[in-house]
Amino acid sequence: MSLWIESDKNWFGSRREKQKRSMPEKSYSIPEVAELLSVSRGVIYKWLSLDEPEEAVIPPSAWYRLPNGRVRIYAWIVINLQARH
């Protein structure tokens, strides 16, 4: 009987480890980024350059759209922008 409990603990332990590895990367909304960098939302939209990605301050690889169409910006680019400005 103790063998069954022991194997059950291993099953739960491995499941928790998998959940830790698959945590999504931290990201921020446009208003959050604007507040963190002390700029307006319009500036953030200009930095994204949705129409001309080659001129973007925030490259297309640094953000993504949610299914509802809103933009989320990865934390690593926000940290880089804070260091620059």
N, C-alpha and C. Protein backbone atom coordinates (compact mmCIF):
# COMPACT_ATOMS: atom_id res chain seq x y z
N MET A 1 0.81 -1.19 0.00
CA MET A 1 0.00 0.00 0.00
C MET A 1 0.86 1.26 0.00
N SER A 2 1.95 1.27 0.72
CA SER A 2 2.81 2.45 0.73
C SER A 2 3.43 2.67 -0.66
N LEU A 3 3.61 1.61 -1.43
CA LEU A 3 4.15 1.75 -2.78
C LEU A 3 3.20 2.56 -3.66
N TRP A 4 1.90 2.32 -3.53
CA TRP A 4 0.92 3.07 -4.31
C TRP A 4 0.96 4.55 -3.95
N ILE A 5 1.02 4.86 -2.66
CA ILE A 5 1.07 6.26 -2.23
C ILE A 5 2.34 6.92 -2.73
N GLU A 6 3.44 6.19 -2.65
CA GLU A 6 4.71 6.73 -3.12
C GLU A 6 4.66 7.06 -4.61
N SER A 7 4.09 6.15 -5.40
CA SER A 7 4.00 6.41 -6.84
C SER A 7 3.04 7.55 -7.12
N ASP A 8 2.00 7.70 -6.30
CA ASP A 8 1.05 8.80 -6.46
C ASP A 8 1.75 10.14 -6.22
N LYS A 9 2.61 10.21 -5.21
CA LYS A 9 3.36 11.44 -4.95
C LYS A 9 4.27 11.77 -6.12
N ASN A 10 4.90 10.77 -6.70
CA ASN A 10 5.76 11.01 -7.85
C ASN A 10 4.96 11.55 -9.03
N TRP A 11 3.76 11.03 -9.21
CA TRP A 11 2.92 11.51 -10.32
C TRP A 11 2.58 12.98 -10.13
N PHE A 12 2.17 13.34 -8.90
CA PHE A 12 1.83 14.74 -8.65
C PHE A 12 3.07 15.63 -8.74
N GLY A 13 4.20 15.12 -8.26
CA GLY A 13 5.43 15.90 -8.33
C GLY A 13 5.84 16.19 -9.75
N SER A 14 5.76 15.21 -10.62
CA SER A 14 6.17 15.43 -12.00
C SER A 14 5.19 16.37 -12.71
N ARG A 15 3.93 16.31 -12.35
CA ARG A 15 2.94 17.21 -12.95
C ARG A 15 3.23 18.65 -12.56
N ARG A 16 3.56 18.89 -11.31
CA ARG A 16 3.88 20.24 -10.87
C ARG A 16 5.13 20.77 -11.56
N GLU A 17 6.10 19.91 -11.76
CA GLU A 17 7.31 20.34 -12.45
C GLU A 17 7.00 20.76 -13.88
N LYS A 18 6.14 20.03 -14.55
CA LYS A 18 5.77 20.37 -15.92
C LYS A 18 5.05 21.71 -15.96
N GLN A 19 4.20 21.99 -14.97
CA GLN A 19 3.50 23.27 -14.93
C GLN A 19 4.47 24.42 -14.75
N LYS A 20 5.51 24.24 -13.95
CA LYS A 20 6.50 25.29 -13.75
C LYS A 20 7.23 25.61 -15.04
N ARG A 21 7.54 24.58 -15.82
CA ARG A 21 8.29 24.80 -17.06
C ARG A 21 7.45 25.48 -18.13
N SER A 22 6.14 25.34 -18.07
CA SER A 22 5.31 25.88 -19.13
C SER A 22 4.66 27.22 -18.75
N MET A 23 5.20 27.90 -17.75
CA MET A 23 4.65 29.19 -17.37
C MET A 23 4.87 30.19 -18.50
N PRO A 24 3.86 30.99 -18.83
CA PRO A 24 4.04 31.96 -19.91
C PRO A 24 4.98 33.09 -19.49
N GLU A 25 5.60 33.69 -20.48
CA GLU A 25 6.51 34.79 -20.23
C GLU A 25 5.72 36.03 -19.81
N LYS A 26 6.26 36.80 -18.89
CA LYS A 26 5.60 38.01 -18.39
C LYS A 26 5.43 39.01 -19.53
N SER A 27 4.25 39.62 -19.59
CA SER A 27 3.99 40.65 -20.59
C SER A 27 3.11 41.74 -19.99
N TYR A 28 3.09 42.89 -20.65
CA TYR A 28 2.35 44.05 -20.18
C TYR A 28 1.41 44.57 -21.26
N SER A 29 0.35 45.21 -20.84
CA SER A 29 -0.55 45.88 -21.77
C SER A 29 0.05 47.24 -22.15
N ILE A 30 -0.50 47.88 -23.16
CA ILE A 30 0.01 49.18 -23.60
C ILE A 30 -0.11 50.23 -22.49
N PRO A 31 -1.25 50.33 -21.79
CA PRO A 31 -1.31 51.31 -20.69
C PRO A 31 -0.29 51.04 -19.57
N GLU A 32 -0.03 49.78 -19.29
CA GLU A 32 0.97 49.44 -18.27
C GLU A 32 2.37 49.87 -18.70
N VAL A 33 2.70 49.63 -19.96
CA VAL A 33 4.01 50.02 -20.48
C VAL A 33 4.14 51.54 -20.48
N ALA A 34 3.08 52.22 -20.88
CA ALA A 34 3.09 53.68 -20.89
C ALA A 34 3.33 54.23 -19.48
N GLU A 35 2.71 53.65 -18.50
CA GLU A 35 2.91 54.09 -17.12
C GLU A 35 4.32 53.78 -16.63
N LEU A 36 4.82 52.59 -16.93
CA LEU A 36 6.17 52.21 -16.50
C LEU A 36 7.23 53.12 -17.10
N LEU A 37 7.03 53.56 -18.34
CA LEU A 37 8.02 54.38 -19.03
C LEU A 37 7.72 55.87 -18.95
N SER A 38 6.62 56.23 -18.30
CA SER A 38 6.20 57.64 -18.15
C SER A 38 6.03 58.34 -19.49
N VAL A 39 5.35 57.68 -20.40
CA VAL A 39 5.01 58.25 -21.70
C VAL A 39 3.52 58.01 -21.94
N SER A 40 2.99 58.60 -23.00
CA SER A 40 1.58 58.39 -23.32
C SER A 40 1.37 57.09 -24.10
N ARG A 41 0.14 56.67 -24.16
CA ARG A 41 -0.19 55.47 -24.96
C ARG A 41 0.11 55.68 -26.42
N GLY A 42 -0.10 56.90 -26.90
CA GLY A 42 0.18 57.22 -28.30
C GLY A 42 1.64 56.99 -28.66
N VAL A 43 2.53 57.32 -27.73
CA VAL A 43 3.96 57.09 -27.97
C VAL A 43 4.23 55.60 -28.12
N ILE A 44 3.60 54.80 -27.28
CA ILE A 44 3.79 53.35 -27.36
C ILE A 44 3.30 52.84 -28.71
N TYR A 45 2.13 53.33 -29.17
CA TYR A 45 1.63 52.91 -30.48
C TYR A 45 2.59 53.33 -31.59
N LYS A 46 3.20 54.52 -31.49
CA LYS A 46 4.19 54.94 -32.49
C LYS A 46 5.40 54.02 -32.45
N TRP A 47 5.84 53.65 -31.24
CA TRP A 47 7.00 52.76 -31.11
C TRP A 47 6.72 51.38 -31.68
N LEU A 48 5.45 50.95 -31.65
CA LEU A 48 5.10 49.66 -32.24
C LEU A 48 5.13 49.72 -33.75
N SER A 49 4.82 50.87 -34.35
CA SER A 49 4.78 51.06 -35.81
C SER A 49 4.06 49.90 -36.47
N LEU A 50 2.79 49.77 -36.18
CA LEU A 50 2.00 48.65 -36.71
C LEU A 50 1.97 48.63 -38.23
N ASP A 51 2.03 49.80 -38.88
CA ASP A 51 1.99 49.86 -40.34
C ASP A 51 3.36 49.64 -40.98
N GLU A 52 4.43 50.08 -40.30
CA GLU A 52 5.78 49.97 -40.83
C GLU A 52 6.70 49.30 -39.80
N PRO A 53 6.68 47.96 -39.72
CA PRO A 53 7.45 47.25 -38.69
C PRO A 53 8.96 47.46 -38.75
N GLU A 54 9.51 47.80 -39.90
CA GLU A 54 10.96 47.98 -40.00
C GLU A 54 11.42 49.26 -39.29
N GLU A 55 10.51 50.19 -39.01
CA GLU A 55 10.86 51.43 -38.31
C GLU A 55 10.47 51.40 -36.83
N ALA A 56 10.09 50.26 -36.33
CA ALA A 56 9.58 50.15 -34.97
C ALA A 56 10.69 50.22 -33.92
N VAL A 57 10.41 50.92 -32.83
CA VAL A 57 11.30 50.91 -31.67
C VAL A 57 11.09 49.60 -30.91
N ILE A 58 9.84 49.16 -30.85
CA ILE A 58 9.50 47.86 -30.26
C ILE A 58 9.28 46.90 -31.42
N PRO A 59 10.21 45.99 -31.67
CA PRO A 59 10.10 45.11 -32.85
C PRO A 59 8.91 44.16 -32.76
N PRO A 60 8.43 43.69 -33.90
CA PRO A 60 7.29 42.76 -33.91
C PRO A 60 7.52 41.48 -33.10
N SER A 61 8.76 41.08 -32.92
CA SER A 61 9.05 39.88 -32.14
C SER A 61 8.90 40.12 -30.63
N ALA A 62 8.73 41.38 -30.22
CA ALA A 62 8.66 41.74 -28.81
C ALA A 62 7.22 41.92 -28.31
N TRP A 63 6.24 41.71 -29.17
CA TRP A 63 4.86 41.85 -28.76
C TRP A 63 3.98 40.89 -29.53
N TYR A 64 2.75 40.70 -29.03
CA TYR A 64 1.79 39.83 -29.70
C TYR A 64 0.38 40.35 -29.44
N ARG A 65 -0.54 39.85 -30.23
CA ARG A 65 -1.95 40.23 -30.06
C ARG A 65 -2.72 39.10 -29.39
N LEU A 66 -3.60 39.49 -28.49
CA LEU A 66 -4.51 38.54 -27.86
C LEU A 66 -5.65 38.25 -28.81
N PRO A 67 -6.43 37.20 -28.59
CA PRO A 67 -7.56 36.92 -29.48
C PRO A 67 -8.56 38.07 -29.57
N ASN A 68 -8.65 38.91 -28.56
CA ASN A 68 -9.57 40.05 -28.61
C ASN A 68 -8.97 41.25 -29.34
N GLY A 69 -7.73 41.12 -29.85
CA GLY A 69 -7.11 42.18 -30.64
C GLY A 69 -6.19 43.10 -29.86
N ARG A 70 -6.17 42.98 -28.55
CA ARG A 70 -5.31 43.85 -27.75
C ARG A 70 -3.86 43.41 -27.83
N VAL A 71 -2.97 44.36 -27.64
CA VAL A 71 -1.54 44.10 -27.77
C VAL A 71 -0.94 43.87 -26.38
N ARG A 72 -0.05 42.87 -26.29
CA ARG A 72 0.72 42.62 -25.07
C ARG A 72 2.19 42.70 -25.45
N ILE A 73 2.98 43.37 -24.61
CA ILE A 73 4.39 43.59 -24.87
C ILE A 73 5.20 42.81 -23.84
N TYR A 74 6.19 42.03 -24.32
CA TYR A 74 6.99 41.21 -23.43
C TYR A 74 7.80 42.07 -22.45
N ALA A 75 8.01 41.54 -21.26
CA ALA A 75 8.71 42.26 -20.19
C ALA A 75 10.16 42.57 -20.56
N TRP A 76 10.82 41.69 -21.31
CA TRP A 76 12.23 41.92 -21.61
C TRP A 76 12.45 43.18 -22.43
N ILE A 77 11.54 43.51 -23.33
CA ILE A 77 11.71 44.74 -24.12
C ILE A 77 11.40 45.96 -23.27
N VAL A 78 10.47 45.83 -22.34
CA VAL A 78 10.17 46.95 -21.44
C VAL A 78 11.39 47.27 -20.57
N ILE A 79 12.07 46.24 -20.09
CA ILE A 79 13.29 46.45 -19.30
C ILE A 79 14.36 47.12 -20.15
N ASN A 80 14.51 46.69 -21.40
CA ASN A 80 15.48 47.32 -22.30
C ASN A 80 15.14 48.79 -22.54
N LEU A 81 13.86 49.08 -22.73
CA LEU A 81 13.45 50.47 -22.97
C LEU A 81 13.67 51.33 -21.73
N GLN A 82 13.43 50.76 -20.54
CA GLN A 82 13.68 51.50 -19.31
C GLN A 82 15.16 51.84 -19.17
N ALA A 83 16.01 50.96 -19.57
CA ALA A 83 17.45 51.19 -19.48
C ALA A 83 17.89 52.28 -20.46
N ARG A 84 17.24 52.33 -21.63
CA ARG A 84 17.60 53.33 -22.65
C ARG A 84 17.07 54.72 -22.34
N HIS A 85 15.87 54.80 -21.75
CA HIS A 85 15.23 56.11 -21.56
C HIS A 85 15.28 56.54 -20.14
